[in-house]
C-alpha cells in the first residue's frame, strides 16, 4: 500500500511482511518493531500477509482466520491479509519469483513510495540487518 497521490520516492514507504507458518510469523517483530521505533508513523505503513497453503486448510478457513484475528492487535486488522490457496504450483511460482524458498521463516520487503523493492530480509533480524533496513 502506498500513498497513491505521491510520486515522490521518499514520501512514504511500506514494509510488507509475508509468512507461511506460525514460526515464521513469530520472527517478524524482530524486523517490524525496530522499524516502527525508528521512523515517524506518517512516513510508513506495515502490511502483514499470511499465506495458508493446501485444500485441507481452505476447509478450515473460518477457524483459522478467527484464530489469527485474535492474535493480531485490532489496530493492525486493516493491514493484515490471510491468503488461502490450494494451487501448489501457483504458490511455488509466487515463492520462486520472490525467492521465498523456506516456508518456515518470515520475509520482509521494504517498498519505496513508488512501489520499488529497496530491501529484502528473512528469518530473525540481526542488528546489522535492522541497520540496513
Protein backbone atom coordinates (compact mmCIF):
# COMPACT_ATOMS: atom_id res chain seq x y z
CA UNK A 1 0.00 0.00 0.00
CA UNK A 2 1.49 3.28 -0.98
CA UNK A 3 0.30 6.83 -0.91
CA UNK A 4 -1.49 6.91 -4.29
CA UNK A 5 -1.25 10.68 -4.58
CA UNK A 6 2.51 10.75 -4.23
CA UNK A 7 5.10 10.48 -6.99
CA UNK A 8 7.92 11.23 -4.56
CA UNK A 9 10.01 8.09 -3.94
CA UNK A 10 10.83 9.36 -0.43
CA UNK A 11 7.24 10.22 0.53
CA UNK A 12 6.08 7.00 2.13
CA UNK A 13 7.44 3.52 2.36
CA UNK A 14 5.74 0.23 3.05
CA UNK A 15 7.18 -2.71 4.93
CA UNK A 16 5.46 -5.87 3.67
CA UNK A 17 5.80 -8.97 5.83
CA UNK A 18 4.99 -12.44 4.49
CA UNK A 19 4.80 -15.65 6.47
CA UNK A 20 3.59 -19.17 5.69
CA UNK A 21 3.75 -20.77 9.11
CA UNK A 22 3.28 -19.54 12.68
CA UNK A 23 7.01 -20.00 13.38
CA UNK A 24 7.87 -17.52 10.60
CA UNK A 25 5.18 -15.11 11.77
CA UNK A 26 6.75 -15.02 15.24
CA UNK A 27 10.09 -13.90 13.72
CA UNK A 28 8.63 -10.82 12.03
CA UNK A 29 8.54 -8.49 15.08
CA UNK A 30 12.35 -8.61 15.09
CA UNK A 31 12.05 -6.58 11.87
CA UNK A 32 8.88 -4.56 12.38
CA UNK A 33 9.41 -3.28 15.93
CA UNK A 34 12.82 -1.61 15.31
CA UNK A 35 11.46 -0.25 12.01
CA UNK A 36 8.43 1.32 13.72
CA UNK A 37 10.51 2.81 16.51
CA UNK A 38 12.93 4.42 14.03
CA UNK A 39 10.51 6.23 11.72
CA UNK A 40 7.63 8.63 12.14
CA UNK A 41 4.33 6.78 11.68
CA UNK A 42 3.30 9.19 8.92
CA UNK A 43 6.23 8.01 6.79
CA UNK A 44 5.45 4.30 6.55
CA UNK A 45 2.90 1.52 6.62
CA UNK A 46 3.40 -2.08 7.71
CA UNK A 47 1.34 -4.69 5.86
CA UNK A 48 1.19 -8.32 7.04
CA UNK A 49 0.41 -11.20 4.66
CA UNK A 50 -0.12 -14.72 5.91
CA UNK A 51 -0.20 -17.41 3.22
CA UNK A 52 -2.07 -20.64 4.01
CA UNK A 53 -1.45 -23.45 1.55
CA UNK A 54 -3.48 -26.53 0.79
CA UNK A 55 -7.05 -27.67 0.23
CA UNK A 56 -7.43 -29.01 3.77
CA UNK A 57 -6.66 -25.62 5.34
CA UNK A 58 -9.07 -23.92 2.96
CA UNK A 59 -11.81 -26.04 4.54
CA UNK A 60 -10.80 -24.61 7.92
CA UNK A 61 -10.71 -21.01 6.69
CA UNK A 62 -13.16 -19.60 9.25
CA UNK A 63 -11.47 -21.05 12.38
CA UNK A 64 -8.00 -20.14 11.06
CA UNK A 65 -8.91 -16.52 10.32
CA UNK A 66 -10.71 -16.22 13.65
CA UNK A 67 -7.62 -17.50 15.48
CA UNK A 68 -5.33 -15.15 13.56
CA UNK A 69 -7.61 -12.21 14.27
CA UNK A 70 -7.48 -12.96 17.99
CA UNK A 71 -3.68 -12.95 17.84
CA UNK A 72 -3.49 -9.68 15.89
CA UNK A 73 -3.85 -6.29 17.59
CA UNK A 74 -7.05 -4.55 16.44
CA UNK A 75 -5.12 -1.56 15.06
CA UNK A 76 -3.45 -3.93 12.53
CA UNK A 77 -6.60 -5.67 11.25
CA UNK A 78 -6.98 -3.35 8.24
CA UNK A 79 -3.36 -4.03 7.22
CA UNK A 80 -3.41 -7.81 7.65
CA UNK A 81 -4.32 -10.25 4.89
CA UNK A 82 -4.67 -14.01 5.08
CA UNK A 83 -4.41 -15.65 1.66
CA UNK A 84 -5.73 -19.18 1.17
CA UNK A 85 -4.73 -21.13 -1.94
CA UNK A 86 -4.81 -24.79 -2.85
CA UNK A 87 -2.91 -24.41 -6.13
CA UNK A 88 0.53 -25.63 -5.10
CA UNK A 89 2.14 -24.85 -8.47
CA UNK A 90 0.88 -21.28 -8.48
CA UNK A 91 2.19 -20.68 -4.98
CA UNK A 92 5.51 -22.28 -5.89
CA UNK A 93 5.83 -19.78 -8.76
CA UNK A 94 4.98 -16.92 -6.37
CA UNK A 95 7.58 -18.10 -3.82
CA UNK A 96 10.17 -18.60 -6.55
CA UNK A 97 9.63 -15.13 -8.03
CA UNK A 98 10.19 -13.55 -4.62
CA UNK A 99 12.91 -16.04 -3.62
CA UNK A 100 10.94 -17.27 -0.62
CA UNK A 101 12.03 -20.91 -0.68
CA UNK A 102 11.83 -21.60 3.06
CA UNK A 103 8.19 -21.61 4.19
CA UNK A 104 9.20 -21.95 7.85
CA UNK A 105 10.62 -18.43 8.09
CA UNK A 106 9.21 -14.93 7.71
CA UNK A 107 10.11 -12.45 4.98
CA UNK A 108 10.15 -8.65 4.83
CA UNK A 109 10.14 -6.41 1.77
CA UNK A 110 10.69 -2.66 2.03
CA UNK A 111 8.97 -0.77 -0.78
CA UNK A 112 9.62 2.90 -1.52
CA UNK A 113 6.90 5.45 -2.31
CA UNK A 114 6.83 4.28 -5.93
CA UNK A 115 6.43 0.59 -5.04
CA UNK A 116 10.01 -0.43 -5.83
CA UNK A 117 11.64 -3.08 -3.63
CA UNK A 118 14.50 -1.46 -1.71
CA UNK A 119 15.33 -4.17 0.83
CA UNK A 120 14.58 -7.86 1.36
CA UNK A 121 15.18 -9.80 4.56
CA UNK A 122 14.18 -13.09 6.12
CA UNK A 123 14.35 -15.00 9.38
CA UNK A 124 15.12 -13.33 12.67
CA UNK A 125 16.68 -9.92 12.15
CA UNK A 126 20.19 -9.32 13.43
CA UNK A 127 21.26 -5.82 14.47
CA UNK A 128 23.25 -5.50 11.26
CA UNK A 129 20.15 -6.41 9.19
CA UNK A 130 17.98 -3.90 11.01
CA UNK A 131 20.61 -1.21 10.35
CA UNK A 132 20.49 -1.98 6.63
CA UNK A 133 16.71 -1.87 6.64
